[in-house]
Structure formats: structure tokens, C-alpha cells
Amino acid sequence: MSNMEQFSSAAKANFESNLALFTDFTTKAFSGVEKLVELNVTAAKASFEDSAASTKKLMAAKDLQEFMALSLTLSQPNAEKALAYTRHVANIASSTKAELTKTTDAQLAEGKRKVLELIEQVTKSAPAGSESAIAFVSSAIGSATAGYEQLSKTAKQALDTMESNVNSAVDQLVQTASKSTTLVSVKK
């Protein structure tokens, strides 16, 4: 096989590989978004139903003291539900991150292996005097690989930051829920 055929074959394989990565990555990202949308719809329905029931209970209060006692009692489940919701969001984000990272890492490793294999094949069959062209192509491929790796690293850092922020929000909600529970217990 000639060098041009090797490069053409490698370019086609690379394109197909990148298309597969993009498709897999996009599918997993949309799956995470779909889970979030489903969670939000479920939470919105439950919130609406809970609000209607709570409003009915509050409207049935006979005096201000009963109204305040009901308000405190009804706030505790809301804090617990908010905490559960936040934990679900954190779990979805974490699992989506893990899937995307796994896909990206596997693709980068496979792409790097294929490129090194191609360079080795081309170098073996290259005519005399083509060393500088091969070095240029190797350098360009090395730069592209480094770019992909940096992009992957940056994406991982962004996802880690997002996960850390979600975990921090969960911790704050836990503290708030604990304080609410304590307050409701003391008021009773």
C-alpha cells in the first residue's frame, strides 16, 4: 500500500472514530440532560401537589398560633424533599461525568495508539529524503493529540468544579434541613 493510501485510510478511520466518539459523547450527555428534565418534571408535579395540600391545611387553621405551628410542621418535609432533589441532581451529574470521562479517555487512548501505529508503518516504507515530511506530520499529530488531551483535562476540571459546587449545595441544604428539624422539634 502506498503512503497516500495509508494516509487516506488513516484519515477515513480517524474521521469514523471521531464521529463515533461524538455520537457516543452526545448520546451520553443527552441522557444526563434527559434524566435531569425527568427529575425536574417529577419534582415540579410533586411540588405543585404538595403546595396545594399545604395551602388547604394552612387555610383551615383556626387562629394564628395554629397557622404558625402548621407552617413549621409543613416546612420540614419541604427541606427534606429539597435535599433529596439536590442529591438526585448530584448523582445524575456524577454518573454523567463518569460516563463522559470514560468515553473520552478510551477514545483518546485508541486514537493515540492508531496514530503511532500509522507513523511507524509510514516511517518503515517511506522513501529516502522524506524524513522531514514525516517529522512534520508526526509533530502536527503530536500537537493535535496534546490539544485533545488538554481539552479533555479542561472538560474534566469543569465537571469536577460543577460536581464540587453541587456537593457544596447539598451540604448547605443538609445543614439547613438539620436546623429546620431542630427548630421544629424545639417549637413542638
Protein backbone atom coordinates (compact mmCIF):
# COMPACT_ATOMS: atom_id res chain seq x y z
CA MET A 1 0.00 0.00 0.00
CA SER A 2 1.35 3.45 -0.88
CA ASN A 3 1.87 6.22 1.63
CA MET A 4 -1.05 8.18 0.18
CA GLU A 5 -3.34 5.17 0.52
CA GLN A 6 -2.15 4.68 4.10
CA PHE A 7 -2.83 8.32 4.94
CA SER A 8 -6.20 8.21 3.19
CA SER A 9 -7.14 5.05 5.03
CA ALA A 10 -5.95 6.51 8.34
CA ALA A 11 -7.83 9.76 7.75
CA LYS A 12 -11.02 7.85 6.98
CA ALA A 13 -10.61 5.68 10.07
CA ASN A 14 -9.88 8.77 12.16
CA PHE A 15 -12.99 10.51 10.84
CA GLU A 16 -15.15 7.47 11.57
CA SER A 17 -13.61 7.13 15.02
CA ASN A 18 -14.22 10.82 15.81
CA LEU A 19 -17.78 10.55 14.53
CA ALA A 20 -18.36 7.54 16.78
CA LEU A 21 -16.87 9.43 19.74
CA PHE A 22 -19.02 12.47 19.04
CA THR A 23 -22.13 10.32 18.72
CA ASP A 24 -21.38 8.37 21.90
CA PHE A 25 -20.44 11.51 23.82
CA THR A 26 -23.56 13.37 22.66
CA THR A 27 -25.81 10.40 23.44
CA LYS A 28 -24.43 10.18 26.98
CA ALA A 29 -24.68 13.94 27.50
CA PHE A 30 -28.29 13.98 26.28
CA SER A 31 -29.05 11.01 28.52
CA GLY A 32 -27.86 13.05 31.51
CA VAL A 33 -29.93 16.04 30.41
CA GLU A 34 -32.93 13.77 29.88
CA LYS A 35 -32.59 12.43 33.43
CA LEU A 36 -32.43 15.99 34.76
CA VAL A 37 -35.51 17.03 32.80
CA GLU A 38 -37.40 13.97 34.04
CA LEU A 39 -36.35 14.72 37.61
CA ASN A 40 -37.42 18.36 37.25
CA VAL A 41 -40.83 17.46 35.83
CA THR A 42 -41.42 14.95 38.62
CA ALA A 43 -40.26 17.46 41.25
CA ALA A 44 -42.44 20.22 39.79
CA LYS A 45 -45.55 17.99 39.83
CA ALA A 46 -44.87 16.88 43.40
CA SER A 47 -44.19 20.47 44.47
CA PHE A 48 -47.45 21.67 42.97
CA GLU A 49 -49.42 18.88 44.67
CA ASP A 50 -47.68 19.50 48.00
CA SER A 51 -48.27 23.24 47.75
CA ALA A 52 -51.97 22.73 47.11
CA ALA A 53 -52.31 20.35 50.06
CA SER A 54 -50.29 22.64 52.34
CA THR A 55 -52.35 25.67 51.35
CA LYS A 56 -55.56 23.81 52.18
CA LYS A 57 -54.19 22.86 55.59
CA LEU A 58 -53.00 26.39 56.30
CA MET A 59 -56.32 27.90 55.23
CA ALA A 60 -58.10 25.56 57.65
CA ALA A 61 -56.14 26.94 60.61
CA LYS A 62 -58.43 28.42 63.24
CA ASP A 63 -56.02 31.00 64.62
CA LEU A 64 -52.53 32.47 64.15
CA GLN A 65 -50.90 30.07 66.60
CA GLU A 66 -52.25 27.02 64.73
CA PHE A 67 -51.24 28.64 61.43
CA MET A 68 -47.64 29.14 62.67
CA ALA A 69 -47.45 25.60 64.09
CA LEU A 70 -48.68 24.17 60.78
CA SER A 71 -46.20 26.34 58.86
CA LEU A 72 -43.29 24.95 60.87
CA THR A 73 -44.54 21.39 60.57
CA LEU A 74 -45.05 21.69 56.81
CA SER A 75 -41.63 23.26 56.21
CA GLN A 76 -39.70 20.20 57.42
CA PRO A 77 -40.81 17.83 54.61
CA ASN A 78 -40.06 20.57 52.08
CA ALA A 79 -36.48 20.86 53.30
CA GLU A 80 -36.10 17.07 53.14
CA LYS A 81 -37.52 17.00 49.62
CA ALA A 82 -35.17 19.77 48.52
CA LEU A 83 -32.28 17.79 49.94
CA ALA A 84 -33.38 14.62 48.14
CA TYR A 85 -33.77 16.57 44.89
CA THR A 86 -30.28 18.04 45.21
CA ARG A 87 -28.84 14.59 45.88
CA HIS A 88 -30.54 13.27 42.74
CA VAL A 89 -29.05 16.12 40.71
CA ALA A 90 -25.62 15.40 42.17
CA ASN A 91 -25.95 11.69 41.34
CA ILE A 92 -27.02 12.41 37.77
CA ALA A 93 -24.16 14.87 37.29
CA SER A 94 -21.64 12.48 38.79
CA SER A 95 -22.72 9.47 36.72
CA THR A 96 -22.88 11.53 33.53
CA LYS A 97 -19.40 12.90 34.23
CA ALA A 98 -18.07 9.39 34.78
CA GLU A 99 -19.57 8.15 31.50
CA LEU A 100 -18.27 11.11 29.50
CA THR A 101 -14.80 10.81 31.03
CA LYS A 102 -14.68 7.08 30.33
CA THR A 103 -15.70 7.61 26.70
CA THR A 104 -13.22 10.43 26.14
CA ASP A 105 -10.30 8.64 27.79
CA ALA A 106 -10.89 5.44 25.83
CA GLN A 107 -11.16 7.33 22.55
CA LEU A 108 -8.03 9.37 23.19
CA ALA A 109 -6.02 6.26 24.05
CA GLU A 110 -7.25 4.41 20.97
CA GLY A 111 -6.65 7.39 18.69
CA LYS A 112 -3.15 7.87 20.01
CA ARG A 113 -2.38 4.17 19.52
CA LYS A 114 -3.63 4.24 15.92
CA VAL A 115 -1.65 7.38 15.08
CA LEU A 116 1.57 5.95 16.50
CA GLU A 117 0.96 2.72 14.58
CA LEU A 118 0.40 4.64 11.34
CA ILE A 119 3.52 6.75 11.82
CA GLU A 120 5.55 3.62 12.43
CA GLN A 121 4.20 1.97 9.24
CA VAL A 122 4.78 5.07 7.14
CA THR A 123 8.28 5.55 8.52
CA LYS A 124 9.22 1.98 7.58
CA SER A 125 8.06 2.33 4.00
CA ALA A 126 8.98 5.98 3.41
CA PRO A 127 11.39 6.73 0.59
CA ALA A 128 14.75 8.24 1.35
CA GLY A 129 14.65 12.01 1.81
CA SER A 130 11.14 12.12 3.29
CA GLU A 131 12.32 12.28 6.88
CA SER A 132 11.49 15.98 7.25
CA ALA A 133 7.95 15.47 5.91
CA ILE A 134 7.40 12.57 8.28
CA ALA A 135 8.80 14.62 11.17
CA PHE A 136 6.41 17.47 10.27
CA VAL A 137 3.41 15.14 10.16
CA SER A 138 4.49 13.49 13.43
CA SER A 139 4.83 16.90 15.04
CA ALA A 140 1.41 18.01 13.79
CA ILE A 141 -0.17 14.82 15.06
CA GLY A 142 1.60 15.22 18.39
CA SER A 143 0.28 18.76 18.67
CA ALA A 144 -3.26 17.65 17.85
CA THR A 145 -3.03 14.86 20.42
CA ALA A 146 -1.77 17.30 23.03
CA GLY A 147 -4.68 19.62 22.16
CA TYR A 148 -7.20 16.80 22.60
CA GLU A 149 -5.62 15.82 25.90
CA GLN A 150 -5.73 19.44 27.12
CA LEU A 151 -9.37 19.73 26.05
CA SER A 152 -10.16 16.53 27.93
CA LYS A 153 -8.31 17.78 31.00
CA THR A 154 -10.16 21.12 30.89
CA ALA A 155 -13.52 19.37 30.49
CA LYS A 156 -12.72 17.11 33.46
CA GLN A 157 -11.78 20.15 35.57
CA ALA A 158 -15.03 21.89 34.64
CA LEU A 159 -17.05 18.81 35.54
CA ASP A 160 -15.12 18.40 38.80
CA THR A 161 -15.86 22.02 39.67
CA MET A 162 -19.55 21.55 38.89
CA GLU A 163 -19.65 18.37 40.99
CA SER A 164 -17.90 20.15 43.85
CA ASN A 165 -20.42 23.02 43.68
CA VAL A 166 -23.35 20.61 43.71
CA ASN A 167 -21.85 18.73 46.67
CA SER A 168 -21.37 22.03 48.48
CA ALA A 169 -25.02 22.93 47.84
CA VAL A 170 -26.07 19.53 49.17
CA ASP A 171 -24.00 20.09 52.32
CA GLN A 172 -25.61 23.50 52.84
CA LEU A 173 -29.07 22.00 52.38
CA VAL A 174 -28.25 19.26 54.90
CA GLN A 175 -27.24 21.92 57.41
CA THR A 176 -30.39 23.94 56.71
CA ALA A 177 -32.59 20.85 56.97
CA SER A 178 -30.93 19.91 60.25
CA LYS A 179 -31.54 23.39 61.63
CA SER A 180 -35.17 23.29 60.45
CA THR A 181 -35.70 19.89 62.06
CA THR A 182 -34.17 21.14 65.29
CA LEU A 183 -36.29 24.29 65.18
CA VAL A 184 -39.50 22.33 64.55
CA SER A 185 -38.64 19.89 67.35
CA VAL A 186 -37.96 22.75 69.78
CA LYS A 187 -41.19 24.59 68.83
CA LYS A 188 -43.32 21.48 69.39
